Amino acid sequence: MAQGVYANLENIIEFARDGIVSKVVLKAADKEVSLFCMSSGQSLSSHTSSYPAIIHVLRGKGEVTLAKKKYEATTNAWFYLPANLPHAVEAIEDLVFLLTLFKGAK
């Protein structure tokens, strides 16, 4: 990683019929970045993470719930999730987003 990392995200977008595909773009001791591709109608039910995270929507339409508040998730929507915050994601249309986990912070 001392040389940096390059990924053409467009080339790794992949949808599973009626499913969710996640691909790790970067994995390091203190952070992890994954690309999520959720087919329309799919969801990640409410859960928490012990790490702070960022969701950056790249394409599609969905809904992100932070605690009990729902937000529209469209292209370039950006969400910060502190550690232990209940959150959920639902794809209204095919949805693509980056999830960044900050493993060095709590």
PDB file of N, CA and C in Angstrom:
ATOM      1  N   MET A   1       0.805  -1.193   0.000  1.00  0.00           N
ATOM      2  CA  MET A   1       0.000   0.000   0.000  1.00  0.00           C
ATOM      3  C   MET A   1       0.851   1.262   0.000  1.00  0.00           C
ATOM      4  N   ALA A   2       2.118   1.139   0.223  1.00  0.00           N
ATOM      5  CA  ALA A   2       2.979   2.322   0.210  1.00  0.00           C
ATOM      6  C   ALA A   2       2.978   2.993  -1.156  1.00  0.00           C
ATOM      7  N   GLN A   3       2.629   2.244  -2.192  1.00  0.00           N
ATOM      8  CA  GLN A   3       2.570   2.782  -3.544  1.00  0.00           C
ATOM      9  C   GLN A   3       1.194   3.327  -3.895  1.00  0.00           C
ATOM     10  N   GLY A   4       0.237   3.165  -2.999  1.00  0.00           N
ATOM     11  CA  GLY A   4      -1.125   3.603  -3.267  1.00  0.00           C
ATOM     12  C   GLY A   4      -1.955   2.465  -3.855  1.00  0.00           C
ATOM     13  N   VAL A   5      -3.236   2.728  -4.034  1.00  0.00           N
ATOM     14  CA  VAL A   5      -4.158   1.728  -4.556  1.00  0.00           C
ATOM     15  C   VAL A   5      -5.010   2.377  -5.630  1.00  0.00           C
ATOM     16  N   TYR A   6      -5.208   1.687  -6.729  1.00  0.00           N
ATOM     17  CA  TYR A   6      -6.086   2.161  -7.797  1.00  0.00           C
ATOM     18  C   TYR A   6      -7.152   1.103  -8.042  1.00  0.00           C
ATOM     19  N   ALA A   7      -8.386   1.547  -8.209  1.00  0.00           N
ATOM     20  CA  ALA A   7      -9.467   0.637  -8.583  1.00  0.00           C
ATOM     21  C   ALA A   7     -10.430   1.389  -9.482  1.00  0.00           C
ATOM     22  N   ASN A   8     -10.757   0.807 -10.615  1.00  0.00           N
ATOM     23  CA  ASN A   8     -11.798   1.365 -11.467  1.00  0.00           C
ATOM     24  C   ASN A   8     -13.095   0.708 -11.009  1.00  0.00           C
ATOM     25  N   LEU A   9     -13.853   1.432 -10.195  1.00  0.00           N
ATOM     26  CA  LEU A   9     -15.049   0.858  -9.587  1.00  0.00           C
ATOM     27  C   LEU A   9     -16.076   0.430 -10.624  1.00  0.00           C
ATOM     28  N   GLU A  10     -16.146   1.159 -11.717  1.00  0.00           N
ATOM     29  CA  GLU A  10     -17.102   0.813 -12.770  1.00  0.00           C
ATOM     30  C   GLU A  10     -16.879  -0.623 -13.257  1.00  0.00           C
ATOM     31  N   ASN A  11     -15.614  -1.036 -13.296  1.00  0.00           N
ATOM     32  CA  ASN A  11     -15.276  -2.371 -13.801  1.00  0.00           C
ATOM     33  C   ASN A  11     -15.599  -3.501 -12.825  1.00  0.00           C
ATOM     34  N   ILE A  12     -15.848  -3.169 -11.562  1.00  0.00           N
ATOM     35  CA  ILE A  12     -16.118  -4.249 -10.599  1.00  0.00           C
ATOM     36  C   ILE A  12     -17.567  -4.253 -10.098  1.00  0.00           C
ATOM     37  N   ILE A  13     -18.390  -3.352 -10.639  1.00  0.00           N
ATOM     38  CA  ILE A  13     -19.812  -3.376 -10.281  1.00  0.00           C
ATOM     39  C   ILE A  13     -20.429  -4.640 -10.855  1.00  0.00           C
ATOM     40  N   GLU A  14     -21.119  -5.378  -9.991  1.00  0.00           N
ATOM     41  CA  GLU A  14     -21.730  -6.649 -10.394  1.00  0.00           C
ATOM     42  C   GLU A  14     -22.964  -6.878  -9.532  1.00  0.00           C
ATOM     43  N   PHE A  15     -24.071  -7.190 -10.166  1.00  0.00           N
ATOM     44  CA  PHE A  15     -25.303  -7.454  -9.437  1.00  0.00           C
ATOM     45  C   PHE A  15     -25.616  -8.940  -9.480  1.00  0.00           C
ATOM     46  N   ALA A  16     -26.089  -9.457  -8.362  1.00  0.00           N
ATOM     47  CA  ALA A  16     -26.581 -10.828  -8.306  1.00  0.00           C
ATOM     48  C   ALA A  16     -28.101 -10.740  -8.370  1.00  0.00           C
ATOM     49  N   ARG A  17     -28.698 -11.586  -9.145  1.00  0.00           N
ATOM     50  CA  ARG A  17     -30.161 -11.573  -9.246  1.00  0.00           C
ATOM     51  C   ARG A  17     -30.747 -11.794  -7.857  1.00  0.00           C
ATOM     52  N   ASP A  18     -31.554 -10.849  -7.419  1.00  0.00           N
ATOM     53  CA  ASP A  18     -32.175 -10.925  -6.095  1.00  0.00           C
ATOM     54  C   ASP A  18     -31.152 -11.127  -4.980  1.00  0.00           C
ATOM     55  N   GLY A  19     -30.037 -10.396  -5.063  1.00  0.00           N
ATOM     56  CA  GLY A  19     -29.015 -10.554  -4.043  1.00  0.00           C
ATOM     57  C   GLY A  19     -28.170  -9.319  -3.844  1.00  0.00           C
ATOM     58  N   ILE A  20     -27.145  -9.481  -3.032  1.00  0.00           N
ATOM     59  CA  ILE A  20     -26.212  -8.408  -2.692  1.00  0.00           C
ATOM     60  C   ILE A  20     -24.803  -8.919  -2.960  1.00  0.00           C
ATOM     61  N   VAL A  21     -24.021  -8.119  -3.676  1.00  0.00           N
ATOM     62  CA  VAL A  21     -22.622  -8.460  -3.943  1.00  0.00           C
ATOM     63  C   VAL A  21     -21.761  -7.419  -3.250  1.00  0.00           C
ATOM     64  N   SER A  22     -20.779  -7.862  -2.476  1.00  0.00           N
ATOM     65  CA  SER A  22     -19.827  -6.921  -1.882  1.00  0.00           C
ATOM     66  C   SER A  22     -18.421  -7.360  -2.256  1.00  0.00           C
ATOM     67  N   LYS A  23     -17.597  -6.372  -2.599  1.00  0.00           N
ATOM     68  CA  LYS A  23     -16.213  -6.634  -2.988  1.00  0.00           C
ATOM     69  C   LYS A  23     -15.296  -5.692  -2.231  1.00  0.00           C
ATOM     70  N   VAL A  24     -14.269  -6.237  -1.629  1.00  0.00           N
ATOM     71  CA  VAL A  24     -13.304  -5.423  -0.893  1.00  0.00           C
ATOM     72  C   VAL A  24     -12.420  -4.699  -1.897  1.00  0.00           C
ATOM     73  N   VAL A  25     -12.354  -3.378  -1.765  1.00  0.00           N
ATOM     74  CA  VAL A  25     -11.523  -2.543  -2.630  1.00  0.00           C
ATOM     75  C   VAL A  25     -10.181  -2.288  -1.955  1.00  0.00           C
ATOM     76  N   LEU A  26     -10.213  -2.120  -0.633  1.00  0.00           N
ATOM     77  CA  LEU A  26      -9.000  -1.842   0.149  1.00  0.00           C
ATOM     78  C   LEU A  26      -9.161  -2.467   1.517  1.00  0.00           C
ATOM     79  N   LYS A  27      -8.129  -3.186   1.946  1.00  0.00           N
ATOM     80  CA  LYS A  27      -8.131  -3.748   3.295  1.00  0.00           C
ATOM     81  C   LYS A  27      -6.785  -3.445   3.927  1.00  0.00           C
ATOM     82  N   ALA A  28      -6.833  -2.760   5.048  1.00  0.00           N
ATOM     83  CA  ALA A  28      -5.627  -2.416   5.795  1.00  0.00           C
ATOM     84  C   ALA A  28      -5.929  -2.604   7.275  1.00  0.00           C
ATOM     85  N   ALA A  29      -4.909  -2.507   8.102  1.00  0.00           N
ATOM     86  CA  ALA A  29      -5.089  -2.732   9.534  1.00  0.00           C
ATOM     87  C   ALA A  29      -6.098  -1.763  10.144  1.00  0.00           C
ATOM     88  N   ASP A  30      -6.127  -0.537   9.659  1.00  0.00           N
ATOM     89  CA  ASP A  30      -6.970   0.482  10.299  1.00  0.00           C
ATOM     90  C   ASP A  30      -8.175   0.916   9.479  1.00  0.00           C
ATOM     91  N   LYS A  31      -8.368   0.343   8.282  1.00  0.00           N
ATOM     92  CA  LYS A  31      -9.516   0.722   7.452  1.00  0.00           C
ATOM     93  C   LYS A  31      -9.838  -0.372   6.456  1.00  0.00           C
ATOM     94  N   GLU A  32     -11.097  -0.338   6.005  1.00  0.00           N
ATOM     95  CA  GLU A  32     -11.525  -1.267   4.966  1.00  0.00           C
ATOM     96  C   GLU A  32     -12.565  -0.565   4.107  1.00  0.00           C
ATOM     97  N   VAL A  33     -12.421  -0.680   2.791  1.00  0.00           N
ATOM     98  CA  VAL A  33     -13.362  -0.081   1.852  1.00  0.00           C
ATOM     99  C   VAL A  33     -13.942  -1.204   1.003  1.00  0.00           C
ATOM    100  N   SER A  34     -15.269  -1.267   0.961  1.00  0.00           N
ATOM    101  CA  SER A  34     -15.951  -2.297   0.173  1.00  0.00           C
ATOM    102  C   SER A  34     -16.982  -1.653  -0.733  1.00  0.00           C
ATOM    103  N   LEU A  35     -17.135  -2.231  -1.924  1.00  0.00           N
ATOM    104  CA  LEU A  35     -18.152  -1.802  -2.875  1.00  0.00           C
ATOM    105  C   LEU A  35     -19.339  -2.744  -2.717  1.00  0.00           C
ATOM    106  N   PHE A  36     -20.512  -2.171  -2.472  1.00  0.00           N
ATOM    107  CA  PHE A  36     -21.740  -2.956  -2.344  1.00  0.00           C
ATOM    108  C   PHE A  36     -22.625  -2.711  -3.557  1.00  0.00           C
ATOM    109  N   CYS A  37     -23.158  -3.785  -4.123  1.00  0.00           N
ATOM    110  CA  CYS A  37     -24.094  -3.718  -5.237  1.00  0.00           C
ATOM    111  C   CYS A  37     -25.340  -4.494  -4.792  1.00  0.00           C
ATOM    112  N   MET A  38     -26.424  -3.758  -4.579  1.00  0.00           N
ATOM    113  CA  MET A  38     -27.660  -4.359  -4.083  1.00  0.00           C
ATOM    114  C   MET A  38     -28.722  -4.315  -5.179  1.00  0.00           C
ATOM    115  N   SER A  39     -29.258  -5.473  -5.522  1.00  0.00           N
ATOM    116  CA  SER A  39     -30.336  -5.529  -6.501  1.00  0.00           C
ATOM    117  C   SER A  39     -31.589  -4.888  -5.911  1.00  0.00           C
ATOM    118  N   SER A  40     -32.397  -4.318  -6.779  1.00  0.00           N
ATOM    119  CA  SER A  40     -33.657  -3.696  -6.375  1.00  0.00           C
ATOM    120  C   SER A  40     -34.444  -4.636  -5.467  1.00  0.00           C
ATOM    121  N   GLY A  41     -34.942  -4.081  -4.362  1.00  0.00           N
ATOM    122  CA  GLY A  41     -35.735  -4.872  -3.426  1.00  0.00           C
ATOM    123  C   GLY A  41     -34.945  -5.535  -2.321  1.00  0.00           C
ATOM    124  N   GLN A  42     -33.634  -5.553  -2.421  1.00  0.00           N
ATOM    125  CA  GLN A  42     -32.793  -6.170  -1.389  1.00  0.00           C
ATOM    126  C   GLN A  42     -32.570  -5.187  -0.237  1.00  0.00           C
ATOM    127  N   SER A  43     -32.246  -5.730   0.929  1.00  0.00           N
ATOM    128  CA  SER A  43     -31.997  -4.853   2.074  1.00  0.00           C
ATOM    129  C   SER A  43     -30.983  -5.470   3.030  1.00  0.00           C
ATOM    130  N   LEU A  44     -30.349  -4.599   3.765  1.00  0.00           N
ATOM    131  CA  LEU A  44     -29.513  -4.989   4.900  1.00  0.00           C
ATOM    132  C   LEU A  44     -30.315  -4.572   6.119  1.00  0.00           C
ATOM    133  N   SER A  45     -30.780  -5.521   6.909  1.00  0.00           N
ATOM    134  CA  SER A  45     -31.622  -5.194   8.053  1.00  0.00           C
ATOM    135  C   SER A  45     -30.832  -4.417   9.102  1.00  0.00           C
ATOM    136  N   SER A  46     -31.552  -3.816  10.012  1.00  0.00           N
ATOM    137  CA  SER A  46     -30.925  -2.980  11.033  1.00  0.00           C
ATOM    138  C   SER A  46     -29.858  -3.760  11.804  1.00  0.00           C
ATOM    139  N   HIS A  47     -28.697  -3.139  11.916  1.00  0.00           N
ATOM    140  CA  HIS A  47     -27.569  -3.741  12.621  1.00  0.00           C
ATOM    141  C   HIS A  47     -26.644  -2.625  13.096  1.00  0.00           C
ATOM    142  N   THR A  48     -25.610  -2.979  13.820  1.00  0.00           N
ATOM    143  CA  THR A  48     -24.615  -2.001  14.276  1.00  0.00           C
ATOM    144  C   THR A  48     -23.224  -2.494  13.889  1.00  0.00           C
ATOM    145  N   SER A  49     -22.283  -1.576  13.952  1.00  0.00           N
ATOM    146  CA  SER A  49     -20.872  -1.910  13.734  1.00  0.00           C
ATOM    147  C   SER A  49     -20.083  -1.330  14.889  1.00  0.00           C
ATOM    148  N   SER A  50     -19.064  -2.016  15.314  1.00  0.00           N
ATOM    149  CA  SER A  50     -18.242  -1.489  16.405  1.00  0.00           C
ATOM    150  C   SER A  50     -17.262  -0.422  15.911  1.00  0.00           C
ATOM    151  N   TYR A  51     -17.286  -0.149  14.592  1.00  0.00           N
ATOM    152  CA  TYR A  51     -16.404   0.866  14.009  1.00  0.00           C
ATOM    153  C   TYR A  51     -17.219   1.985  13.366  1.00  0.00           C
ATOM    154  N   PRO A  52     -16.697   3.214  13.363  1.00  0.00           N
ATOM    155  CA  PRO A  52     -17.343   4.274  12.581  1.00  0.00           C
ATOM    156  C   PRO A  52     -17.246   3.926  11.100  1.00  0.00           C
ATOM    157  N   ALA A  53     -18.208   4.438  10.323  1.00  0.00           N
ATOM    158  CA  ALA A  53     -18.241   4.106   8.902  1.00  0.00           C
ATOM    159  C   ALA A  53     -18.810   5.258   8.083  1.00  0.00           C
ATOM    160  N   ILE A  54     -18.550   5.202   6.782  1.00  0.00           N
ATOM    161  CA  ILE A  54     -19.127   6.150   5.828  1.00  0.00           C
ATOM    162  C   ILE A  54     -19.743   5.335   4.697  1.00  0.00           C
ATOM    163  N   ILE A  55     -20.947   5.719   4.307  1.00  0.00           N
ATOM    164  CA  ILE A  55     -21.601   5.171   3.115  1.00  0.00           C
ATOM    165  C   ILE A  55     -21.646   6.293   2.085  1.00  0.00           C
ATOM    166  N   HIS A  56     -21.120   6.033   0.891  1.00  0.00           N
ATOM    167  CA  HIS A  56     -21.163   6.996  -0.212  1.00  0.00           C
ATOM    168  C   HIS A  56     -21.869   6.310  -1.378  1.00  0.00           C
ATOM    169  N   VAL A  57     -23.054   6.810  -1.704  1.00  0.00           N
ATOM    170  CA  VAL A  57     -23.846   6.215  -2.775  1.00  0.00           C
ATOM    171  C   VAL A  57     -23.287   6.659  -4.131  1.00  0.00           C
ATOM    172  N   LEU A  58     -23.020   5.698  -4.996  1.00  0.00           N
ATOM    173  CA  LEU A  58     -22.465   5.980  -6.313  1.00  0.00           C
ATOM    174  C   LEU A  58     -23.514   5.941  -7.417  1.00  0.00           C
ATOM    175  N   ARG A  59     -24.551   5.112  -7.228  1.00  0.00           N
ATOM    176  CA  ARG A  59     -25.530   4.924  -8.292  1.00  0.00           C
ATOM    177  C   ARG A  59     -26.801   4.324  -7.696  1.00  0.00           C
ATOM    178  N   GLY A  60     -27.923   4.652  -8.305  1.00  0.00           N
ATOM    179  CA  GLY A  60     -29.176   4.010  -7.947  1.00  0.00           C
ATOM    180  C   GLY A  60     -30.014   4.812  -6.974  1.00  0.00           C
ATOM    181  N   LYS A  61     -30.972   4.115  -6.369  1.00  0.00           N
ATOM    182  CA  LYS A  61     -31.888   4.752  -5.439  1.00  0.00           C
ATOM    183  C   LYS A  61     -32.210   3.786  -4.310  1.00  0.00           C
ATOM    184  N   GLY A  62     -32.170   4.318  -3.106  1.00  0.00           N
ATOM    185  CA  GLY A  62     -32.474   3.481  -1.960  1.00  0.00           C
ATOM    186  C   GLY A  62     -32.861   4.317  -0.763  1.00  0.00           C
ATOM    187  N   GLU A  63     -32.805   3.663   0.378  1.00  0.00           N
ATOM    188  CA  GLU A  63     -33.137   4.337   1.635  1.00  0.00           C
ATOM    189  C   GLU A  63     -32.146   3.854   2.688  1.00  0.00           C
ATOM    190  N   VAL A  64     -31.571   4.802   3.426  1.00  0.00           N
ATOM    191  CA  VAL A  64     -30.671   4.478   4.527  1.00  0.00           C
ATOM    192  C   VAL A  64     -31.348   4.945   5.804  1.00  0.00           C
ATOM    193  N   THR A  65     -31.399   4.066   6.782  1.00  0.00           N
ATOM    194  CA  THR A  65     -31.962   4.416   8.079  1.00  0.00           C
ATOM    195  C   THR A  65     -30.812   4.520   9.069  1.00  0.00           C
ATOM    196  N   LEU A  66     -30.707   5.669   9.718  1.00  0.00           N
ATOM    197  CA  LEU A  66     -29.712   5.901  10.773  1.00  0.00           C
ATOM    198  C   LEU A  66     -30.496   6.066  12.065  1.00  0.00           C
ATOM    199  N   ALA A  67     -30.256   5.182  13.021  1.00  0.00           N
ATOM    200  CA  ALA A  67     -31.071   5.102  14.236  1.00  0.00           C
ATOM    201  C   ALA A  67     -32.501   4.847  13.766  1.00  0.00           C
ATOM    202  N   LYS A  68     -33.405   5.783  13.936  1.00  0.00           N
ATOM    203  CA  LYS A  68     -34.790   5.572  13.484  1.00  0.00           C
ATOM    204  C   LYS A  68     -35.191   6.547  12.388  1.00  0.00           C
ATOM    205  N   LYS A  69     -34.220   7.341  11.881  1.00  0.00           N
ATOM    206  CA  LYS A  69     -34.533   8.333  10.860  1.00  0.00           C
ATOM    207  C   LYS A  69     -34.145   7.805   9.479  1.00  0.00           C
ATOM    208  N   LYS A  70     -35.099   7.912   8.539  1.00  0.00           N
ATOM    209  CA  LYS A  70     -34.884   7.426   7.175  1.00  0.00           C
ATOM    210  C   LYS A  70     -34.450   8.570   6.265  1.00  0.00           C
ATOM    211  N   TYR A  71     -33.493   8.249   5.368  1.00  0.00           N
ATOM    212  CA  TYR A  71     -32.970   9.217   4.411  1.00  0.00           C
ATOM    213  C   TYR A  71     -33.004   8.611   3.010  1.00  0.00           C
ATOM    214  N   GLU A  72     -33.237   9.460   2.022  1.00  0.00           N
ATOM    215  CA  GLU A  72     -33.170   9.022   0.634  1.00  0.00           C
ATOM    216  C   GLU A  72     -31.697   8.814   0.267  1.00  0.00           C
ATOM    217  N   ALA A  73     -31.426   7.713  -0.399  1.00  0.00           N
ATOM    218  CA  ALA A  73     -30.062   7.390  -0.824  1.00  0.00           C
ATOM    219  C   ALA A  73     -30.028   7.417  -2.346  1.00  0.00           C
ATOM    220  N   THR A  74     -29.508   8.504  -2.908  1.00  0.00           N
ATOM    221  CA  THR A  74     -29.378   8.643  -4.350  1.00  0.00           C
ATOM    222  C   THR A  74     -27.925   8.981  -4.667  1.00  0.00           C
ATOM    223  N   THR A  75     -27.598   9.072  -5.944  1.00  0.00           N
ATOM    224  CA  THR A  75     -26.225   9.340  -6.364  1.00  0.00           C
ATOM    225  C   THR A  75     -25.611  10.496  -5.590  1.00  0.00           C
ATOM    226  N   ASN A  76     -24.452  10.245  -5.028  1.00  0.00           N
ATOM    227  CA  ASN A  76     -23.647  11.175  -4.239  1.00  0.00           C
ATOM    228  C   ASN A  76     -24.200  11.496  -2.862  1.00  0.00           C
ATOM    229  N   ALA A  77     -25.207  10.762  -2.394  1.00  0.00           N
ATOM    230  CA  ALA A  77     -25.604  10.878  -0.986  1.00  0.00           C
ATOM    231  C   ALA A  77     -24.459  10.326  -0.147  1.00  0.00           C
ATOM    232  N   TRP A  78     -24.244  10.928   1.006  1.00  0.00           N
ATOM    233  CA  TRP A  78     -23.100  10.586   1.863  1.00  0.00           C
ATOM    234  C   TRP A  78     -23.599  10.505   3.288  1.00  0.00           C
ATOM    235  N   PHE A  79     -23.246   9.441   3.981  1.00  0.00           N
ATOM    236  CA  PHE A  79     -23.722   9.207   5.344  1.00  0.00           C
ATOM    237  C   PHE A  79     -22.552   8.866   6.254  1.00  0.00           C
ATOM    238  N   TYR A  80     -22.505   9.492   7.425  1.00  0.00           N
ATOM    239  CA  TYR A  80     -21.519   9.137   8.446  1.00  0.00           C
ATOM    240  C   TYR A  80     -22.230   8.360   9.537  1.00  0.00           C
ATOM    241  N   LEU A  81     -21.664   7.233   9.928  1.00  0.00           N
ATOM    242  CA  LEU A  81     -22.249   6.374  10.949  1.00  0.00           C
ATOM    243  C   LEU A  81     -21.263   6.220  12.099  1.00  0.00           C
ATOM    244  N   PRO A  82     -21.535   6.819  13.245  1.00  0.00           N
ATOM    245  CA  PRO A  82     -20.653   6.585  14.385  1.00  0.00           C
ATOM    246  C   PRO A  82     -20.727   5.116  14.817  1.00  0.00           C
ATOM    247  N   ALA A  83     -19.735   4.658  15.532  1.00  0.00           N
ATOM    248  CA  ALA A  83     -19.733   3.283  16.031  1.00  0.00           C
ATOM    249  C   ALA A  83     -21.006   3.021  16.829  1.00  0.00           C
ATOM    250  N   ASN A  84     -21.529   1.823  16.705  1.00  0.00           N
ATOM    251  CA  ASN A  84     -22.687   1.331  17.458  1.00  0.00           C
ATOM    252  C   ASN A  84     -24.020   1.986  17.099  1.00  0.00           C
ATOM    253  N   LEU A  85     -24.078   2.745  16.010  1.00  0.00           N
ATOM    254  CA  LEU A  85     -25.338   3.341  15.579  1.00  0.00           C
ATOM    255  C   LEU A  85     -26.153   2.304  14.799  1.00  0.00           C
ATOM    256  N   PRO A  86     -27.385   2.018  15.211  1.00  0.00           N
ATOM    257  CA  PRO A  86     -28.209   1.107  14.408  1.00  0.00           C
ATOM    258  C   PRO A  86     -28.465   1.731  13.035  1.00  0.00           C
ATOM    259  N   HIS A  87     -28.314   0.930  11.987  1.00  0.00           N
ATOM    260  CA  HIS A  87     -28.518   1.425  10.629  1.00  0.00           C
ATOM    261  C   HIS A  87     -28.985   0.283   9.725  1.00  0.00           C
ATOM    262  N   ALA A  88     -29.646   0.665   8.633  1.00  0.00           N
ATOM    263  CA  ALA A  88     -30.145  -0.300   7.662  1.00  0.00           C
ATOM    264  C   ALA A  88     -30.085   0.334   6.282  1.00  0.00           C
ATOM    265  N   VAL A  89     -30.061  -0.497   5.249  1.00  0.00           N
ATOM    266  CA  VAL A  89     -30.026  -0.016   3.861  1.00  0.00           C
ATOM    267  C   VAL A  89     -31.031  -0.832   3.056  1.00  0.00           C
ATOM    268  N   GLU A  90     -31.823  -0.133   2.238  1.00  0.00           N
ATOM    269  CA  GLU A  90     -32.778  -0.795   1.353  1.00  0.00           C
ATOM    270  C   GLU A  90     -32.592  -0.267  -0.058  1.00  0.00           C
ATOM    271  N   ALA A  91     -32.554  -1.156  -1.034  1.00  0.00           N
ATOM    272  CA  ALA A  91     -32.418  -0.773  -2.439  1.00  0.00           C
ATOM    273  C   ALA A  91     -33.805  -0.668  -3.056  1.00  0.00           C
ATOM    274  N   ILE A  92     -34.199   0.542  -3.436  1.00  0.00           N
ATOM    275  CA  ILE A  92     -35.470   0.749  -4.124  1.00  0.00           C
ATOM    276  C   ILE A  92     -35.283   0.443  -5.610  1.00  0.00           C
ATOM    277  N   GLU A  93     -34.145   0.846  -6.151  1.00  0.00           N
ATOM    278  CA  GLU A  93     -33.668   0.456  -7.479  1.00  0.00           C
ATOM    279  C   GLU A  93     -32.316  -0.197  -7.242  1.00  0.00           C
ATOM    280  N   ASP A  94     -31.697  -0.751  -8.292  1.00  0.00           N
ATOM    281  CA  ASP A  94     -30.337  -1.269  -8.120  1.00  0.00           C
ATOM    282  C   ASP A  94     -29.492  -0.172  -7.486  1.00  0.00           C
ATOM    283  N   LEU A  95     -28.763  -0.511  -6.434  1.00  0.00           N
ATOM    284  CA  LEU A  95     -28.038   0.475  -5.628  1.00  0.00           C
ATOM    285  C   LEU A  95     -26.565   0.081  -5.523  1.00  0.00           C
ATOM    286  N   VAL A  96     -25.689   1.052  -5.728  1.00  0.00           N
ATOM    287  CA  VAL A  96     -24.245   0.832  -5.608  1.00  0.00           C
ATOM    288  C   VAL A  96     -23.693   1.859  -4.628  1.00  0.00           C
ATOM    289  N   PHE A  97     -22.937   1.395  -3.619  1.00  0.00           N
ATOM    290  CA  PHE A  97     -22.325   2.335  -2.684  1.00  0.00           C
ATOM    291  C   PHE A  97     -21.001   1.792  -2.159  1.00  0.00           C
ATOM    292  N   LEU A  98     -20.168   2.733  -1.729  1.00  0.00           N
ATOM    293  CA  LEU A  98     -18.910   2.389  -1.051  1.00  0.00           C
ATOM    294  C   LEU A  98     -19.148   2.457   0.447  1.00  0.00           C
ATOM    295  N   LEU A  99     -18.658   1.475   1.151  1.00  0.00           N
ATOM    296  CA  LEU A  99     -18.685   1.459   2.604  1.00  0.00           C
ATOM    297  C   LEU A  99     -17.252   1.527   3.092  1.00  0.00           C
ATOM    298  N   THR A 100     -16.942   2.553   3.872  1.00  0.00           N
ATOM    299  CA  THR A 100     -15.605   2.687   4.456  1.00  0.00           C
ATOM    300  C   THR A 100     -15.713   2.476   5.945  1.00  0.00           C
ATOM    301  N   LEU A 101     -14.986   1.496   6.466  1.00  0.00           N
ATOM    302  CA  LEU A 101     -14.919   1.229   7.908  1.00  0.00           C
ATOM    303  C   LEU A 101     -13.600   1.758   8.446  1.00  0.00           C
ATOM    304  N   PHE A 102     -13.678   2.495   9.539  1.00  0.00           N
ATOM    305  CA  PHE A 102     -12.481   3.041  10.174  1.00  0.00           C
ATOM    306  C   PHE A 102     -12.158   2.182  11.387  1.00  0.00           C
ATOM    307  N   LYS A 103     -11.352   1.177  11.169  1.00  0.00           N
ATOM    308  CA  LYS A 103     -11.078   0.177  12.214  1.00  0.00           C
ATOM    309  C   LYS A 103     -10.140   0.682  13.301  1.00  0.00           C
ATOM    310  N   GLY A 104      -9.448   1.781  13.052  1.00  0.00           N
ATOM    311  CA  GLY A 104      -8.532   2.318  14.060  1.00  0.00           C
ATOM    312  C   GLY A 104      -9.227   3.224  15.051  1.00  0.00           C
ATOM    313  N   ALA A 105     -10.515   3.496  14.858  1.00  0.00           N
ATOM    314  CA  ALA A 105     -11.258   4.409  15.736  1.00  0.00           C
ATOM    315  C   ALA A 105     -12.455   3.688  16.313  1.00  0.00           C
ATOM    316  N   LYS A 106     -12.860   4.118  17.492  1.00  0.00           N
ATOM    317  CA  LYS A 106     -14.072   3.552  18.121  1.00  0.00           C
ATOM    318  C   LYS A 106     -14.863   4.647  18.743  1.00  0.00           C
TER     319      LYS A 106
END
